[in-house]
């Protein structure tokens, strides 16, 4: 009975992750723009305020499907592999390890996409760069700063944000799913999976907001900015001295709202697509 599931799980995760990623990024993009501008060193209004709220949508939409697909392929395959080694299917340690590995792999696509997206979102604050496309932004970053410091600037801080986020979110999501039927008496469905994802995502988003602020500052920093010479810990310290705890948690409300709604869409559509593909595989 398990052979068809194993055979098609990689492809199912690829397709379901891609569908979920595109739905979330397009539906909730304005909230992400507001969050980015709140965290910008320029300040919310100088970074664009509520103007051009969909700036940066193109790179986000183009990158969301491959990023999410790559993440879920790695996550599901990692879960299967680690579970077979430890003989424990629902261990939180398995979920944490698989999610951490998946984040590192997904960041190979996510970081350049984030560079293009976030710089597009704040171009209104840079009058000399307002009309650049995502490709032009990435080419300029590569020409002036190279591969590691340009296209992959902030890779370390992104990993530093994503891994703690996933260490909290995925074990919570898996635990909530596991407990849903015993606690409520109702069968699991895409709607209940979406609800579990929303709660897990909201909690994780709130806790990791300071790391998100650091990542945003690094990615938006100009070439001659003092931020380029600071460590992530140094950036956190300077933000605290400058704005206090409100600076460390800048954008926490739109971030929590975005990831709570995003968690619902993301995990709900992922589960729905996986069920549909599983049913099609079974019929086949």
Protein backbone atom coordinates (compact mmCIF):
# COMPACT_ATOMS: atom_id res chain seq x y z
CA UNK A 1 0.00 0.00 0.00
CA UNK A 2 2.84 2.43 0.75
CA UNK A 3 4.66 2.05 -2.58
CA UNK A 4 2.49 4.48 -4.62
CA UNK A 5 2.76 7.13 -1.89
CA UNK A 6 6.57 6.85 -1.79
CA UNK A 7 6.78 6.84 -5.58
CA UNK A 8 4.74 9.99 -6.07
CA UNK A 9 5.53 11.88 -2.85
CA UNK A 10 8.42 13.83 -4.39
CA UNK A 11 6.37 15.01 -7.39
CA UNK A 12 3.34 15.71 -5.21
CA UNK A 13 5.42 17.82 -2.83
CA UNK A 14 6.94 19.67 -5.80
CA UNK A 15 3.56 20.57 -7.33
CA UNK A 16 1.70 21.21 -4.06
CA UNK A 17 4.49 23.41 -2.69
CA UNK A 18 4.62 25.44 -5.90
CA UNK A 19 0.84 26.01 -5.94
CA UNK A 20 0.81 27.01 -2.26
CA UNK A 21 3.73 29.42 -2.67
CA UNK A 22 2.21 31.28 -5.62
CA UNK A 23 -1.21 31.63 -3.94
CA UNK A 24 0.29 33.09 -0.75
CA UNK A 25 2.71 35.54 -2.35
CA UNK A 26 0.18 37.00 -4.78
CA UNK A 27 -2.75 37.19 -2.33
CA UNK A 28 -0.84 38.71 0.58
CA UNK A 29 1.82 40.79 -1.16
CA UNK A 30 0.58 44.26 -0.01
CA UNK A 31 0.94 43.23 3.65
CA UNK A 32 4.52 42.14 3.00
CA UNK A 33 5.28 45.50 1.34
CA UNK A 34 4.00 47.41 4.38
CA UNK A 35 6.11 45.19 6.67
CA UNK A 36 9.27 45.75 4.60
CA UNK A 37 8.81 49.52 4.56
CA UNK A 38 8.21 49.63 8.31
CA UNK A 39 11.52 47.81 8.82
CA UNK A 40 13.47 49.94 6.31
CA UNK A 41 16.25 52.20 7.61
CA UNK A 42 14.59 55.00 5.62
CA UNK A 43 11.43 54.76 7.69
CA UNK A 44 7.95 53.85 6.46
CA UNK A 45 6.98 57.05 4.65
CA UNK A 46 10.36 57.73 3.01
CA UNK A 47 10.48 54.11 1.83
CA UNK A 48 7.18 54.64 0.00
CA UNK A 49 4.39 54.58 2.58
CA UNK A 50 1.24 53.16 1.03
CA UNK A 51 2.23 54.14 -2.52
CA UNK A 52 3.08 51.47 -5.08
CA UNK A 53 1.96 48.74 -2.74
CA UNK A 54 2.45 46.05 -5.40
CA UNK A 55 6.02 47.04 -6.30
CA UNK A 56 8.18 43.93 -6.31
CA UNK A 57 5.30 41.55 -7.04
CA UNK A 58 6.89 40.23 -10.25
CA UNK A 59 10.07 38.79 -8.66
CA UNK A 60 8.08 37.50 -5.69
CA UNK A 61 5.56 35.71 -7.92
CA UNK A 62 8.30 34.33 -10.20
CA UNK A 63 10.34 33.04 -7.27
CA UNK A 64 7.57 31.77 -5.00
CA UNK A 65 6.76 28.55 -6.89
CA UNK A 66 10.33 27.18 -7.21
CA UNK A 67 11.22 28.28 -3.65
CA UNK A 68 8.18 26.64 -2.05
CA UNK A 69 8.45 23.57 -4.27
CA UNK A 70 12.12 23.11 -3.39
CA UNK A 71 11.37 23.61 0.30
CA UNK A 72 8.59 21.03 0.49
CA UNK A 73 10.47 18.46 -1.62
CA UNK A 74 13.40 18.70 0.79
CA UNK A 75 11.13 18.74 3.85
CA UNK A 76 9.03 15.71 2.88
CA UNK A 77 12.03 13.70 1.66
CA UNK A 78 13.97 14.69 4.77
CA UNK A 79 11.09 13.58 7.01
CA UNK A 80 10.87 10.21 5.28
CA UNK A 81 14.63 9.66 5.41
CA UNK A 82 15.07 10.70 9.06
CA UNK A 83 11.97 8.78 10.15
CA UNK A 84 13.34 5.62 8.55
CA UNK A 85 16.61 6.09 10.43
CA UNK A 86 15.04 6.76 13.81
CA UNK A 87 11.89 4.61 13.44
CA UNK A 88 9.85 7.54 14.85
CA UNK A 89 7.31 8.97 12.42
CA UNK A 90 6.07 12.00 14.37
CA UNK A 91 9.13 13.04 16.36
CA UNK A 92 9.44 16.85 16.67
CA UNK A 93 13.21 16.43 16.26
CA UNK A 94 12.66 14.85 12.85
CA UNK A 95 10.40 17.76 11.84
CA UNK A 96 12.91 20.31 13.13
CA UNK A 97 15.86 18.73 11.32
CA UNK A 98 13.93 18.29 8.05
CA UNK A 99 12.60 21.87 8.17
CA UNK A 100 16.07 23.30 8.88
CA UNK A 101 17.62 21.43 5.95
CA UNK A 102 14.74 22.52 3.70
CA UNK A 103 15.21 26.19 4.65
CA UNK A 104 18.91 26.13 3.75
CA UNK A 105 18.18 24.57 0.34
CA UNK A 106 15.24 26.90 -0.38
CA UNK A 107 17.33 29.98 0.46
CA UNK A 108 19.44 29.30 -2.63
CA UNK A 109 16.46 30.69 -4.57
CA UNK A 110 14.80 32.75 -1.84
CA UNK A 111 17.67 35.15 -1.13
CA UNK A 112 18.11 36.60 -4.67
CA UNK A 113 14.32 36.81 -4.95
CA UNK A 114 14.15 38.67 -1.61
CA UNK A 115 16.91 41.05 -2.75
CA UNK A 116 14.95 41.96 -5.89
CA UNK A 117 11.59 42.08 -4.13
CA UNK A 118 12.57 44.18 -1.11
CA UNK A 119 14.61 46.66 -3.12
CA UNK A 120 11.65 47.05 -5.48
CA UNK A 121 9.35 47.58 -2.50
CA UNK A 122 11.49 50.46 -1.21
CA UNK A 123 12.58 52.03 -4.52
CA UNK A 124 10.13 54.87 -3.95
CA UNK A 125 12.56 56.10 -1.32
CA UNK A 126 15.45 56.15 -3.85
CA UNK A 127 14.52 58.59 -6.62
CA UNK A 128 17.48 57.58 -8.79
CA UNK A 129 16.39 53.91 -8.86
CA UNK A 130 12.60 54.05 -9.01
CA UNK A 131 12.17 52.52 -12.46
CA UNK A 132 14.47 49.51 -12.22
CA UNK A 133 13.08 46.06 -12.99
CA UNK A 134 13.85 43.03 -10.84
CA UNK A 135 16.41 41.79 -13.40
CA UNK A 136 18.11 45.21 -13.45
CA UNK A 137 18.27 45.24 -9.65
CA UNK A 138 19.90 41.80 -9.55
CA UNK A 139 22.30 42.59 -12.41
CA UNK A 140 23.33 45.83 -10.70
CA UNK A 141 23.89 43.98 -7.43
CA UNK A 142 26.01 41.36 -9.21
CA UNK A 143 28.08 43.88 -11.20
CA UNK A 144 28.79 46.20 -8.29
CA UNK A 145 29.04 43.72 -5.40
CA UNK A 146 29.57 40.26 -6.87
CA UNK A 147 27.82 36.95 -6.20
CA UNK A 148 28.24 36.54 -2.45
CA UNK A 149 28.00 40.20 -1.40
CA UNK A 150 25.48 41.14 -4.09
CA UNK A 151 23.04 38.43 -5.14
CA UNK A 152 23.47 36.48 -1.90
CA UNK A 153 23.86 39.35 0.51
CA UNK A 154 21.97 38.52 3.67
CA UNK A 155 22.14 34.76 3.07
CA UNK A 156 23.47 34.19 6.57
CA UNK A 157 20.93 36.50 8.22
CA UNK A 158 18.12 34.90 6.20
CA UNK A 159 19.19 31.45 7.39
CA UNK A 160 19.47 32.91 10.90
CA UNK A 161 15.83 34.00 10.61
CA UNK A 162 14.38 31.05 8.72
CA UNK A 163 15.83 28.19 10.76
CA UNK A 164 14.55 29.43 14.18
CA UNK A 165 11.23 30.21 12.48
CA UNK A 166 10.96 26.68 11.09
CA UNK A 167 12.17 25.11 14.33
CA UNK A 168 9.09 26.64 15.96
CA UNK A 169 6.54 26.54 13.12
CA UNK A 170 6.84 23.02 11.72
CA UNK A 171 6.86 21.02 14.96
CA UNK A 172 3.87 23.12 16.10
CA UNK A 173 2.05 22.55 12.81
CA UNK A 174 2.70 18.81 12.87
CA UNK A 175 1.67 18.62 16.55
CA UNK A 176 -1.56 20.59 16.00
CA UNK A 177 -2.45 18.35 13.04
CA UNK A 178 -1.74 15.23 15.07
CA UNK A 179 -3.88 16.43 18.00
CA UNK A 180 -6.78 17.79 15.95
CA UNK A 181 -8.88 14.61 15.69
CA UNK A 182 -8.26 13.33 19.27
CA UNK A 183 -9.09 16.75 20.76
CA UNK A 184 -12.00 17.87 18.54
CA UNK A 185 -13.40 14.52 17.39
CA UNK A 186 -13.48 15.77 13.77
CA UNK A 187 -11.52 14.34 10.87
CA UNK A 188 -8.62 16.34 9.50
CA UNK A 189 -9.32 18.32 6.32
CA UNK A 190 -7.55 21.02 4.29
CA UNK A 191 -9.48 23.61 6.32
CA UNK A 192 -8.28 22.24 9.67
CA UNK A 193 -4.73 21.89 8.32
CA UNK A 194 -4.95 25.55 7.25
CA UNK A 195 -6.09 26.55 10.75
CA UNK A 196 -3.18 24.66 12.34
CA UNK A 197 -0.78 26.34 9.92
CA UNK A 198 -2.20 29.79 10.71
CA UNK A 199 -1.74 29.40 14.48
CA UNK A 200 1.74 27.88 14.15
CA UNK A 201 2.81 30.59 11.71
CA UNK A 202 1.51 33.47 13.81
CA UNK A 203 3.35 32.30 16.92
CA UNK A 204 6.59 31.74 15.00
CA UNK A 205 6.34 35.10 13.22
CA UNK A 206 5.97 37.08 16.44
CA UNK A 207 8.91 35.39 18.15
CA UNK A 208 11.32 35.81 15.22
CA UNK A 209 10.46 39.40 14.22
CA UNK A 210 13.80 40.89 15.43
CA UNK A 211 15.67 38.47 13.16
CA UNK A 212 13.45 39.55 10.26
CA UNK A 213 14.27 43.21 10.96
CA UNK A 214 18.01 42.43 10.79
CA UNK A 215 17.59 40.51 7.53
CA UNK A 216 15.65 43.41 5.97
CA UNK A 217 18.22 46.00 7.06
CA UNK A 218 21.09 43.96 5.58
CA UNK A 219 19.34 43.36 2.26
CA UNK A 220 18.35 47.03 1.86
CA UNK A 221 21.73 48.48 2.91
CA UNK A 222 23.52 50.62 0.33
CA UNK A 223 27.08 49.72 -0.61
CA UNK A 224 28.58 52.48 1.60
CA UNK A 225 26.14 51.97 4.49
CA UNK A 226 27.57 51.41 8.00
CA UNK A 227 25.27 48.37 8.28
CA UNK A 228 27.52 46.53 5.81
CA UNK A 229 30.33 46.60 8.38
CA UNK A 230 28.26 45.27 11.29
CA UNK A 231 27.48 41.74 12.42
CA UNK A 232 23.81 40.72 12.85
CA UNK A 233 24.29 41.04 16.62
CA UNK A 234 25.72 44.52 16.12
CA UNK A 235 22.75 45.52 13.95
CA UNK A 236 20.33 44.28 16.61
CA UNK A 237 22.20 46.31 19.24
CA UNK A 238 22.22 49.50 17.14
CA UNK A 239 18.50 49.15 16.37
CA UNK A 240 17.79 48.73 20.09
CA UNK A 241 19.86 51.82 20.95
CA UNK A 242 18.16 53.82 18.20
CA UNK A 243 14.52 52.78 18.64
CA UNK A 244 14.30 50.45 21.63
CA UNK A 245 12.11 47.36 21.63
CA UNK A 246 9.71 49.00 19.17
CA UNK A 247 12.57 49.06 16.64
CA UNK A 248 13.39 45.39 17.21
CA UNK A 249 9.75 44.49 16.64
CA UNK A 250 9.13 46.94 13.78
CA UNK A 251 6.52 45.54 11.45
CA UNK A 252 5.45 42.83 13.91
CA UNK A 253 1.72 43.42 13.31
CA UNK A 254 1.80 43.13 9.48
CA UNK A 255 4.35 40.30 9.77
CA UNK A 256 2.15 38.27 12.13
CA UNK A 257 -0.94 39.07 10.05
CA UNK A 258 0.85 38.18 6.82
CA UNK A 259 2.28 34.89 8.09
CA UNK A 260 -0.92 33.90 9.95
CA UNK A 261 -2.98 34.37 6.78
CA UNK A 262 -0.10 33.02 4.71
CA UNK A 263 0.12 29.93 6.93
CA UNK A 264 -3.58 29.30 6.41
CA UNK A 265 -3.34 29.68 2.62
CA UNK A 266 0.02 27.93 2.34
CA UNK A 267 -0.65 24.81 4.40
CA UNK A 268 -4.31 24.64 3.36
CA UNK A 269 -3.54 24.73 -0.35
CA UNK A 270 -0.57 22.43 0.15
CA UNK A 271 -2.76 19.84 1.89
CA UNK A 272 -5.60 20.23 -0.61
CA UNK A 273 -3.27 19.87 -3.62
CA UNK A 274 -1.52 16.88 -2.01
CA UNK A 275 -4.89 15.16 -1.39
CA UNK A 276 -6.03 15.80 -4.97
CA UNK A 277 -2.76 14.50 -6.41
CA UNK A 278 -2.84 11.51 -4.05
CA UNK A 279 -6.38 10.67 -5.17
CA UNK A 280 -5.34 10.97 -8.81
CA UNK A 281 -2.33 8.71 -8.22
CA UNK A 282 -4.52 6.14 -6.50
CA UNK A 283 -7.01 6.16 -9.37
CA UNK A 284 -4.16 5.83 -11.83
